[in-house]
Amino acid sequence: MKNPHDVILRPVLTEASYEGIADKRYVFEVHKSANKTEIKLALEAIFKDIKVEKVNTLRTIGKIKRQGRTSGRTPEIKKAYVTLTKDSKPIEFFEGMAD
């Protein structure tokens, strides 16, 4: 198994992601090649006492940006929308952010 910290890169902290915290729905940026099973196992290894019910993933293609004549792309990222089970404890990192 891969190192869990290589699979889960960082949490996504936006207004839309804050709305899901009350429903035990969290958003993380994950490695591009990670699948749903690896994401689930990595989260359960990093955060003890949680049970993942389902994982939805989303890939965003980098936008083309220009500066003068040169053009390039912003990085491509993959997000995971993770829903915990009803009897699972919430993730302590996000506590107090949903107020």
PDB file of N, CA and C in Angstrom:
ATOM      1  N   MET A   1       0.841  -1.196   0.000  1.00  0.00           N
ATOM      2  CA  MET A   1       0.000   0.000   0.000  1.00  0.00           C
ATOM      3  C   MET A   1       0.873   1.242   0.000  1.00  0.00           C
ATOM      4  N   LYS A   2       0.408   2.280  -0.657  1.00  0.00           N
ATOM      5  CA  LYS A   2       1.121   3.542  -0.705  1.00  0.00           C
ATOM      6  C   LYS A   2       1.050   4.233   0.654  1.00  0.00           C
ATOM      7  N   ASN A   3       1.959   5.173   0.850  1.00  0.00           N
ATOM      8  CA  ASN A   3       1.922   5.989   2.060  1.00  0.00           C
ATOM      9  C   ASN A   3       0.657   6.846   2.010  1.00  0.00           C
ATOM     10  N   PRO A   4      -0.163   6.861   3.063  1.00  0.00           N
ATOM     11  CA  PRO A   4      -1.422   7.626   3.024  1.00  0.00           C
ATOM     12  C   PRO A   4      -1.220   9.114   2.781  1.00  0.00           C
ATOM     13  N   HIS A   5      -0.090   9.659   3.229  1.00  0.00           N
ATOM     14  CA  HIS A   5       0.155  11.092   3.033  1.00  0.00           C
ATOM     15  C   HIS A   5       0.577  11.414   1.602  1.00  0.00           C
ATOM     16  N   ASP A   6       0.931  10.404   0.812  1.00  0.00           N
ATOM     17  CA  ASP A   6       1.190  10.618  -0.610  1.00  0.00           C
ATOM     18  C   ASP A   6      -0.104  10.595  -1.413  1.00  0.00           C
ATOM     19  N   VAL A   7      -1.124   9.933  -0.895  1.00  0.00           N
ATOM     20  CA  VAL A   7      -2.419   9.859  -1.581  1.00  0.00           C
ATOM     21  C   VAL A   7      -3.241  11.120  -1.298  1.00  0.00           C
ATOM     22  N   ILE A   8      -3.361  11.499  -0.024  1.00  0.00           N
ATOM     23  CA  ILE A   8      -4.115  12.692   0.377  1.00  0.00           C
ATOM     24  C   ILE A   8      -3.140  13.847   0.450  1.00  0.00           C
ATOM     25  N   LEU A   9      -3.291  14.831  -0.451  1.00  0.00           N
ATOM     26  CA  LEU A   9      -2.332  15.929  -0.500  1.00  0.00           C
ATOM     27  C   LEU A   9      -2.690  17.056   0.458  1.00  0.00           C
ATOM     28  N   ARG A  10      -3.952  17.540   0.402  1.00  0.00           N
ATOM     29  CA  ARG A  10      -4.354  18.651   1.277  1.00  0.00           C
ATOM     30  C   ARG A  10      -5.870  18.762   1.282  1.00  0.00           C
ATOM     31  N   PRO A  11      -6.426  19.363   2.326  1.00  0.00           N
ATOM     32  CA  PRO A  11      -7.873  19.605   2.318  1.00  0.00           C
ATOM     33  C   PRO A  11      -8.197  20.819   1.445  1.00  0.00           C
ATOM     34  N   VAL A  12      -9.386  20.826   0.884  1.00  0.00           N
ATOM     35  CA  VAL A  12      -9.860  21.973   0.100  1.00  0.00           C
ATOM     36  C   VAL A  12     -10.763  22.787   1.013  1.00  0.00           C
ATOM     37  N   LEU A  13     -10.362  24.011   1.306  1.00  0.00           N
ATOM     38  CA  LEU A  13     -11.089  24.863   2.242  1.00  0.00           C
ATOM     39  C   LEU A  13     -11.717  26.027   1.482  1.00  0.00           C
ATOM     40  N   THR A  14     -12.956  25.841   1.051  1.00  0.00           N
ATOM     41  CA  THR A  14     -13.697  26.869   0.353  1.00  0.00           C
ATOM     42  C   THR A  14     -15.062  27.021   1.012  1.00  0.00           C
ATOM     43  N   GLU A  15     -15.808  28.029   0.594  1.00  0.00           N
ATOM     44  CA  GLU A  15     -17.149  28.225   1.145  1.00  0.00           C
ATOM     45  C   GLU A  15     -18.042  27.032   0.846  1.00  0.00           C
ATOM     46  N   ALA A  16     -17.931  26.492  -0.357  1.00  0.00           N
ATOM     47  CA  ALA A  16     -18.764  25.338  -0.725  1.00  0.00           C
ATOM     48  C   ALA A  16     -18.400  24.108   0.095  1.00  0.00           C
ATOM     49  N   SER A  17     -17.119  23.932   0.384  1.00  0.00           N
ATOM     50  CA  SER A  17     -16.736  22.761   1.175  1.00  0.00           C
ATOM     51  C   SER A  17     -17.119  22.924   2.641  1.00  0.00           C
ATOM     52  N   TYR A  18     -17.177  24.155   3.146  1.00  0.00           N
ATOM     53  CA  TYR A  18     -17.609  24.386   4.529  1.00  0.00           C
ATOM     54  C   TYR A  18     -19.075  24.007   4.735  1.00  0.00           C
ATOM     55  N   GLU A  19     -19.891  24.158   3.705  1.00  0.00           N
ATOM     56  CA  GLU A  19     -21.317  23.837   3.821  1.00  0.00           C
ATOM     57  C   GLU A  19     -21.553  22.337   4.031  1.00  0.00           C
ATOM     58  N   GLY A  20     -20.648  21.504   3.537  1.00  0.00           N
ATOM     59  CA  GLY A  20     -20.818  20.063   3.664  1.00  0.00           C
ATOM     60  C   GLY A  20     -20.321  19.487   4.974  1.00  0.00           C
ATOM     61  N   ILE A  21     -19.594  20.276   5.764  1.00  0.00           N
ATOM     62  CA  ILE A  21     -19.021  19.754   7.005  1.00  0.00           C
ATOM     63  C   ILE A  21     -20.112  19.316   7.981  1.00  0.00           C
ATOM     64  N   ALA A  22     -21.215  20.033   8.023  1.00  0.00           N
ATOM     65  CA  ALA A  22     -22.312  19.661   8.927  1.00  0.00           C
ATOM     66  C   ALA A  22     -22.901  18.295   8.564  1.00  0.00           C
ATOM     67  N   ASP A  23     -22.852  17.923   7.286  1.00  0.00           N
ATOM     68  CA  ASP A  23     -23.366  16.632   6.825  1.00  0.00           C
ATOM     69  C   ASP A  23     -22.284  15.556   6.777  1.00  0.00           C
ATOM     70  N   LYS A  24     -21.121  15.831   7.377  1.00  0.00           N
ATOM     71  CA  LYS A  24     -19.962  14.927   7.372  1.00  0.00           C
ATOM     72  C   LYS A  24     -19.498  14.642   5.955  1.00  0.00           C
ATOM     73  N   ARG A  25     -19.430  15.707   5.148  1.00  0.00           N
ATOM     74  CA  ARG A  25     -18.940  15.612   3.771  1.00  0.00           C
ATOM     75  C   ARG A  25     -17.731  16.532   3.657  1.00  0.00           C
ATOM     76  N   TYR A  26     -16.580  15.968   3.308  1.00  0.00           N
ATOM     77  CA  TYR A  26     -15.325  16.697   3.286  1.00  0.00           C
ATOM     78  C   TYR A  26     -14.713  16.626   1.895  1.00  0.00           C
ATOM     79  N   VAL A  27     -13.884  17.624   1.557  1.00  0.00           N
ATOM     80  CA  VAL A  27     -13.260  17.691   0.241  1.00  0.00           C
ATOM     81  C   VAL A  27     -11.741  17.705   0.434  1.00  0.00           C
ATOM     82  N   PHE A  28     -11.047  16.845  -0.310  1.00  0.00           N
ATOM     83  CA  PHE A  28      -9.596  16.765  -0.254  1.00  0.00           C
ATOM     84  C   PHE A  28      -9.028  16.784  -1.659  1.00  0.00           C
ATOM     85  N   GLU A  29      -7.830  17.358  -1.795  1.00  0.00           N
ATOM     86  CA  GLU A  29      -7.091  17.240  -3.037  1.00  0.00           C
ATOM     87  C   GLU A  29      -6.249  15.982  -2.915  1.00  0.00           C
ATOM     88  N   VAL A  30      -6.324  15.126  -3.928  1.00  0.00           N
ATOM     89  CA  VAL A  30      -5.645  13.835  -3.869  1.00  0.00           C
ATOM     90  C   VAL A  30      -4.704  13.685  -5.059  1.00  0.00           C
ATOM     91  N   HIS A  31      -3.858  12.668  -5.004  1.00  0.00           N
ATOM     92  CA  HIS A  31      -2.927  12.386  -6.093  1.00  0.00           C
ATOM     93  C   HIS A  31      -3.709  12.016  -7.346  1.00  0.00           C
ATOM     94  N   LYS A  32      -3.178  12.392  -8.504  1.00  0.00           N
ATOM     95  CA  LYS A  32      -3.911  12.183  -9.762  1.00  0.00           C
ATOM     96  C   LYS A  32      -4.185  10.721 -10.079  1.00  0.00           C
ATOM     97  N   SER A  33      -3.304   9.832  -9.650  1.00  0.00           N
ATOM     98  CA  SER A  33      -3.489   8.419  -9.993  1.00  0.00           C
ATOM     99  C   SER A  33      -4.194   7.624  -8.903  1.00  0.00           C
ATOM    100  N   ALA A  34      -4.609   8.273  -7.816  1.00  0.00           N
ATOM    101  CA  ALA A  34      -5.266   7.560  -6.711  1.00  0.00           C
ATOM    102  C   ALA A  34      -6.686   7.172  -7.104  1.00  0.00           C
ATOM    103  N   ASN A  35      -7.070   5.937  -6.744  1.00  0.00           N
ATOM    104  CA  ASN A  35      -8.446   5.517  -7.004  1.00  0.00           C
ATOM    105  C   ASN A  35      -9.264   5.634  -5.717  1.00  0.00           C
ATOM    106  N   LYS A  36     -10.561   5.346  -5.797  1.00  0.00           N
ATOM    107  CA  LYS A  36     -11.462   5.549  -4.664  1.00  0.00           C
ATOM    108  C   LYS A  36     -11.117   4.653  -3.480  1.00  0.00           C
ATOM    109  N   THR A  37     -10.701   3.436  -3.745  1.00  0.00           N
ATOM    110  CA  THR A  37     -10.349   2.522  -2.659  1.00  0.00           C
ATOM    111  C   THR A  37      -9.111   3.005  -1.923  1.00  0.00           C
ATOM    112  N   GLU A  38      -8.108   3.457  -2.649  1.00  0.00           N
ATOM    113  CA  GLU A  38      -6.894   3.980  -2.017  1.00  0.00           C
ATOM    114  C   GLU A  38      -7.195   5.224  -1.188  1.00  0.00           C
ATOM    115  N   ILE A  39      -8.078   6.081  -1.680  1.00  0.00           N
ATOM    116  CA  ILE A  39      -8.449   7.293  -0.949  1.00  0.00           C
ATOM    117  C   ILE A  39      -9.149   6.919   0.354  1.00  0.00           C
ATOM    118  N   LYS A  40     -10.063   5.970   0.294  1.00  0.00           N
ATOM    119  CA  LYS A  40     -10.788   5.542   1.485  1.00  0.00           C
ATOM    120  C   LYS A  40      -9.839   4.964   2.531  1.00  0.00           C
ATOM    121  N   LEU A  41      -8.941   4.070   2.127  1.00  0.00           N
ATOM    122  CA  LEU A  41      -8.000   3.457   3.053  1.00  0.00           C
ATOM    123  C   LEU A  41      -7.027   4.478   3.633  1.00  0.00           C
ATOM    124  N   ALA A  42      -6.601   5.447   2.812  1.00  0.00           N
ATOM    125  CA  ALA A  42      -5.663   6.466   3.287  1.00  0.00           C
ATOM    126  C   ALA A  42      -6.321   7.370   4.329  1.00  0.00           C
ATOM    127  N   LEU A  43      -7.568   7.765   4.101  1.00  0.00           N
ATOM    128  CA  LEU A  43      -8.262   8.615   5.074  1.00  0.00           C
ATOM    129  C   LEU A  43      -8.495   7.886   6.388  1.00  0.00           C
ATOM    130  N   GLU A  44      -8.876   6.620   6.319  1.00  0.00           N
ATOM    131  CA  GLU A  44      -9.099   5.861   7.544  1.00  0.00           C
ATOM    132  C   GLU A  44      -7.789   5.600   8.289  1.00  0.00           C
ATOM    133  N   ALA A  45      -6.655   5.608   7.578  1.00  0.00           N
ATOM    134  CA  ALA A  45      -5.356   5.442   8.234  1.00  0.00           C
ATOM    135  C   ALA A  45      -4.878   6.748   8.865  1.00  0.00           C
ATOM    136  N   ILE A  46      -5.117   7.870   8.190  1.00  0.00           N
ATOM    137  CA  ILE A  46      -4.655   9.171   8.701  1.00  0.00           C
ATOM    138  C   ILE A  46      -5.508   9.621   9.874  1.00  0.00           C
ATOM    139  N   PHE A  47      -6.821   9.622   9.691  1.00  0.00           N
ATOM    140  CA  PHE A  47      -7.750  10.072  10.731  1.00  0.00           C
ATOM    141  C   PHE A  47      -8.352   8.848  11.410  1.00  0.00           C
ATOM    142  N   LYS A  48      -7.953   8.612  12.624  1.00  0.00           N
ATOM    143  CA  LYS A  48      -8.462   7.448  13.368  1.00  0.00           C
ATOM    144  C   LYS A  48      -9.927   7.684  13.750  1.00  0.00           C
ATOM    145  N   ASP A  49     -10.655   6.625  13.987  1.00  0.00           N
ATOM    146  CA  ASP A  49     -12.046   6.662  14.446  1.00  0.00           C
ATOM    147  C   ASP A  49     -13.022   7.218  13.417  1.00  0.00           C
ATOM    148  N   ILE A  50     -12.683   7.194  12.126  1.00  0.00           N
ATOM    149  CA  ILE A  50     -13.677   7.590  11.124  1.00  0.00           C
ATOM    150  C   ILE A  50     -13.961   6.386  10.235  1.00  0.00           C
ATOM    151  N   LYS A  51     -15.158   6.371   9.652  1.00  0.00           N
ATOM    152  CA  LYS A  51     -15.558   5.342   8.701  1.00  0.00           C
ATOM    153  C   LYS A  51     -16.075   6.046   7.461  1.00  0.00           C
ATOM    154  N   VAL A  52     -15.481   5.770   6.333  1.00  0.00           N
ATOM    155  CA  VAL A  52     -15.863   6.404   5.076  1.00  0.00           C
ATOM    156  C   VAL A  52     -16.994   5.609   4.445  1.00  0.00           C
ATOM    157  N   GLU A  53     -18.086   6.312   4.131  1.00  0.00           N
ATOM    158  CA  GLU A  53     -19.221   5.653   3.478  1.00  0.00           C
ATOM    159  C   GLU A  53     -19.019   5.600   1.974  1.00  0.00           C
ATOM    160  N   LYS A  54     -18.717   6.772   1.363  1.00  0.00           N
ATOM    161  CA  LYS A  54     -18.490   6.782  -0.080  1.00  0.00           C
ATOM    162  C   LYS A  54     -17.519   7.885  -0.455  1.00  0.00           C
ATOM    163  N   VAL A  55     -16.914   7.701  -1.630  1.00  0.00           N
ATOM    164  CA  VAL A  55     -15.938   8.645  -2.160  1.00  0.00           C
ATOM    165  C   VAL A  55     -16.324   8.969  -3.589  1.00  0.00           C
ATOM    166  N   ASN A  56     -16.460  10.255  -3.892  1.00  0.00           N
ATOM    167  CA  ASN A  56     -16.692  10.706  -5.260  1.00  0.00           C
ATOM    168  C   ASN A  56     -15.462  11.503  -5.690  1.00  0.00           C
ATOM    169  N   THR A  57     -14.986  11.268  -6.910  1.00  0.00           N
ATOM    170  CA  THR A  57     -13.788  11.957  -7.376  1.00  0.00           C
ATOM    171  C   THR A  57     -14.109  12.847  -8.565  1.00  0.00           C
ATOM    172  N   LEU A  58     -13.238  13.829  -8.764  1.00  0.00           N
ATOM    173  CA  LEU A  58     -13.432  14.820  -9.820  1.00  0.00           C
ATOM    174  C   LEU A  58     -12.065  15.285 -10.280  1.00  0.00           C
ATOM    175  N   ARG A  59     -11.830  15.286 -11.583  1.00  0.00           N
ATOM    176  CA  ARG A  59     -10.577  15.800 -12.139  1.00  0.00           C
ATOM    177  C   ARG A  59     -10.842  17.101 -12.860  1.00  0.00           C
ATOM    178  N   THR A  60     -10.009  18.090 -12.601  1.00  0.00           N
ATOM    179  CA  THR A  60     -10.131  19.356 -13.305  1.00  0.00           C
ATOM    180  C   THR A  60      -8.906  19.544 -14.184  1.00  0.00           C
ATOM    181  N   ILE A  61      -9.138  19.864 -15.431  1.00  0.00           N
ATOM    182  CA  ILE A  61      -8.060  20.098 -16.381  1.00  0.00           C
ATOM    183  C   ILE A  61      -7.561  21.521 -16.173  1.00  0.00           C
ATOM    184  N   GLY A  62      -6.254  21.717 -16.257  1.00  0.00           N
ATOM    185  CA  GLY A  62      -5.671  23.038 -16.055  1.00  0.00           C
ATOM    186  C   GLY A  62      -6.103  24.020 -17.133  1.00  0.00           C
ATOM    187  N   LYS A  63      -6.342  25.256 -16.714  1.00  0.00           N
ATOM    188  CA  LYS A  63      -6.739  26.300 -17.657  1.00  0.00           C
ATOM    189  C   LYS A  63      -5.516  26.846 -18.380  1.00  0.00           C
ATOM    190  N   ILE A  64      -5.732  27.332 -19.595  1.00  0.00           N
ATOM    191  CA  ILE A  64      -4.655  27.962 -20.347  1.00  0.00           C
ATOM    192  C   ILE A  64      -4.541  29.410 -19.889  1.00  0.00           C
ATOM    193  N   LYS A  65      -3.342  29.798 -19.477  1.00  0.00           N
ATOM    194  CA  LYS A  65      -3.073  31.167 -19.032  1.00  0.00           C
ATOM    195  C   LYS A  65      -2.012  31.752 -19.949  1.00  0.00           C
ATOM    196  N   ARG A  66      -2.141  33.054 -20.239  1.00  0.00           N
ATOM    197  CA  ARG A  66      -1.181  33.730 -21.108  1.00  0.00           C
ATOM    198  C   ARG A  66      -0.556  34.900 -20.388  1.00  0.00           C
ATOM    199  N   GLN A  67       0.696  35.133 -20.703  1.00  0.00           N
ATOM    200  CA  GLN A  67       1.372  36.334 -20.263  1.00  0.00           C
ATOM    201  C   GLN A  67       2.199  36.795 -21.450  1.00  0.00           C
ATOM    202  N   GLY A  68       1.675  37.797 -22.131  1.00  0.00           N
ATOM    203  CA  GLY A  68       2.332  38.242 -23.358  1.00  0.00           C
ATOM    204  C   GLY A  68       2.163  37.196 -24.443  1.00  0.00           C
ATOM    205  N   ARG A  69       3.279  36.843 -25.063  1.00  0.00           N
ATOM    206  CA  ARG A  69       3.224  35.853 -26.141  1.00  0.00           C
ATOM    207  C   ARG A  69       3.255  34.418 -25.637  1.00  0.00           C
ATOM    208  N   THR A  70       3.770  34.216 -24.452  1.00  0.00           N
ATOM    209  CA  THR A  70       3.900  32.851 -23.950  1.00  0.00           C
ATOM    210  C   THR A  70       2.604  32.402 -23.281  1.00  0.00           C
ATOM    211  N   SER A  71       2.308  31.141 -23.433  1.00  0.00           N
ATOM    212  CA  SER A  71       1.123  30.596 -22.791  1.00  0.00           C
ATOM    213  C   SER A  71       1.507  29.297 -22.088  1.00  0.00           C
ATOM    214  N   GLY A  72       0.754  28.973 -21.070  1.00  0.00           N
ATOM    215  CA  GLY A  72       0.997  27.756 -20.314  1.00  0.00           C
ATOM    216  C   GLY A  72      -0.297  27.308 -19.669  1.00  0.00           C
ATOM    217  N   ARG A  73      -0.214  26.258 -18.892  1.00  0.00           N
ATOM    218  CA  ARG A  73      -1.394  25.724 -18.231  1.00  0.00           C
ATOM    219  C   ARG A  73      -1.199  25.744 -16.723  1.00  0.00           C
ATOM    220  N   THR A  74      -2.318  25.955 -16.011  1.00  0.00           N
ATOM    221  CA  THR A  74      -2.294  25.789 -14.568  1.00  0.00           C
ATOM    222  C   THR A  74      -2.290  24.288 -14.292  1.00  0.00           C
ATOM    223  N   PRO A  75      -1.869  23.861 -13.113  1.00  0.00           N
ATOM    224  CA  PRO A  75      -1.782  22.417 -12.860  1.00  0.00           C
ATOM    225  C   PRO A  75      -3.142  21.720 -12.868  1.00  0.00           C
ATOM    226  N   GLU A  76      -3.113  20.462 -13.276  1.00  0.00           N
ATOM    227  CA  GLU A  76      -4.299  19.615 -13.266  1.00  0.00           C
ATOM    228  C   GLU A  76      -4.425  19.023 -11.861  1.00  0.00           C
ATOM    229  N   ILE A  77      -5.628  19.036 -11.281  1.00  0.00           N
ATOM    230  CA  ILE A  77      -5.797  18.505  -9.931  1.00  0.00           C
ATOM    231  C   ILE A  77      -6.941  17.499  -9.905  1.00  0.00           C
ATOM    232  N   LYS A  78      -6.943  16.688  -8.861  1.00  0.00           N
ATOM    233  CA  LYS A  78      -8.015  15.719  -8.643  1.00  0.00           C
ATOM    234  C   LYS A  78      -8.533  15.940  -7.234  1.00  0.00           C
ATOM    235  N   LYS A  79      -9.858  16.060  -7.095  1.00  0.00           N
ATOM    236  CA  LYS A  79     -10.487  16.257  -5.797  1.00  0.00           C
ATOM    237  C   LYS A  79     -11.293  15.022  -5.427  1.00  0.00           C
ATOM    238  N   ALA A  80     -11.390  14.784  -4.125  1.00  0.00           N
ATOM    239  CA  ALA A  80     -12.202  13.679  -3.619  1.00  0.00           C
ATOM    240  C   ALA A  80     -13.226  14.244  -2.648  1.00  0.00           C
ATOM    241  N   TYR A  81     -14.496  13.991  -2.910  1.00  0.00           N
ATOM    242  CA  TYR A  81     -15.585  14.366  -2.012  1.00  0.00           C
ATOM    243  C   TYR A  81     -15.897  13.133  -1.174  1.00  0.00           C
ATOM    244  N   VAL A  82     -15.620  13.206   0.125  1.00  0.00           N
ATOM    245  CA  VAL A  82     -15.708  12.053   1.012  1.00  0.00           C
ATOM    246  C   VAL A  82     -16.884  12.238   1.955  1.00  0.00           C
ATOM    247  N   THR A  83     -17.759  11.231   2.020  1.00  0.00           N
ATOM    248  CA  THR A  83     -18.891  11.239   2.943  1.00  0.00           C
ATOM    249  C   THR A  83     -18.648  10.170   3.999  1.00  0.00           C
ATOM    250  N   LEU A  84     -18.777  10.575   5.266  1.00  0.00           N
ATOM    251  CA  LEU A  84     -18.595   9.639   6.369  1.00  0.00           C
ATOM    252  C   LEU A  84     -19.934   8.998   6.727  1.00  0.00           C
ATOM    253  N   THR A  85     -19.875   7.855   7.400  1.00  0.00           N
ATOM    254  CA  THR A  85     -21.103   7.191   7.837  1.00  0.00           C
ATOM    255  C   THR A  85     -21.745   7.989   8.969  1.00  0.00           C
ATOM    256  N   LYS A  86     -23.014   7.704   9.240  1.00  0.00           N
ATOM    257  CA  LYS A  86     -23.764   8.438  10.272  1.00  0.00           C
ATOM    258  C   LYS A  86     -23.178   8.233  11.662  1.00  0.00           C
ATOM    259  N   ASP A  87     -22.691   7.011  11.958  1.00  0.00           N
ATOM    260  CA  ASP A  87     -22.168   6.728  13.295  1.00  0.00           C
ATOM    261  C   ASP A  87     -20.683   7.068  13.440  1.00  0.00           C
ATOM    262  N   SER A  88     -20.060   7.574  12.394  1.00  0.00           N
ATOM    263  CA  SER A  88     -18.647   7.930  12.444  1.00  0.00           C
ATOM    264  C   SER A  88     -18.445   9.253  13.172  1.00  0.00           C
ATOM    265  N   LYS A  89     -17.292   9.384  13.808  1.00  0.00           N
ATOM    266  CA  LYS A  89     -16.947  10.657  14.448  1.00  0.00           C
ATOM    267  C   LYS A  89     -16.543  11.645  13.357  1.00  0.00           C
ATOM    268  N   PRO A  90     -16.784  12.958  13.557  1.00  0.00           N
ATOM    269  CA  PRO A  90     -16.317  13.934  12.570  1.00  0.00           C
ATOM    270  C   PRO A  90     -14.796  14.074  12.625  1.00  0.00           C
ATOM    271  N   ILE A  91     -14.217  14.610  11.575  1.00  0.00           N
ATOM    272  CA  ILE A  91     -12.772  14.809  11.527  1.00  0.00           C
ATOM    273  C   ILE A  91     -12.435  16.025  12.387  1.00  0.00           C
ATOM    274  N   GLU A  92     -11.513  15.854  13.329  1.00  0.00           N
ATOM    275  CA  GLU A  92     -11.205  16.905  14.298  1.00  0.00           C
ATOM    276  C   GLU A  92     -10.614  18.144  13.649  1.00  0.00           C
ATOM    277  N   PHE A  93      -9.896  17.977  12.544  1.00  0.00           N
ATOM    278  CA  PHE A  93      -9.257  19.101  11.854  1.00  0.00           C
ATOM    279  C   PHE A  93     -10.296  20.145  11.420  1.00  0.00           C
ATOM    280  N   PHE A  94     -11.481  19.693  11.020  1.00  0.00           N
ATOM    281  CA  PHE A  94     -12.505  20.580  10.490  1.00  0.00           C
ATOM    282  C   PHE A  94     -13.452  21.118  11.555  1.00  0.00           C
ATOM    283  N   GLU A  95     -13.320  20.663  12.803  1.00  0.00           N
ATOM    284  CA  GLU A  95     -14.231  21.104  13.859  1.00  0.00           C
ATOM    285  C   GLU A  95     -14.076  22.606  14.106  1.00  0.00           C
ATOM    286  N   GLY A  96     -15.178  23.306  14.249  1.00  0.00           N
ATOM    287  CA  GLY A  96     -15.158  24.732  14.485  1.00  0.00           C
ATOM    288  C   GLY A  96     -15.137  25.567  13.211  1.00  0.00           C
ATOM    289  N   MET A  97     -14.923  24.946  12.057  1.00  0.00           N
ATOM    290  CA  MET A  97     -14.893  25.684  10.808  1.00  0.00           C
ATOM    291  C   MET A  97     -16.279  25.859  10.212  1.00  0.00           C
ATOM    292  N   ALA A  98     -17.208  25.017  10.570  1.00  0.00           N
ATOM    293  CA  ALA A  98     -18.542  25.044   9.966  1.00  0.00           C
ATOM    294  C   ALA A  98     -19.486  26.004  10.659  1.00  0.00           C
ATOM    295  N   ASP A  99     -19.011  26.761  11.631  1.00  0.00           N
ATOM    296  CA  ASP A  99     -19.901  27.672  12.367  1.00  0.00           C
ATOM    297  C   ASP A  99     -20.346  28.844  11.537  1.00  0.00           C
TER     298      ASP A  99
END
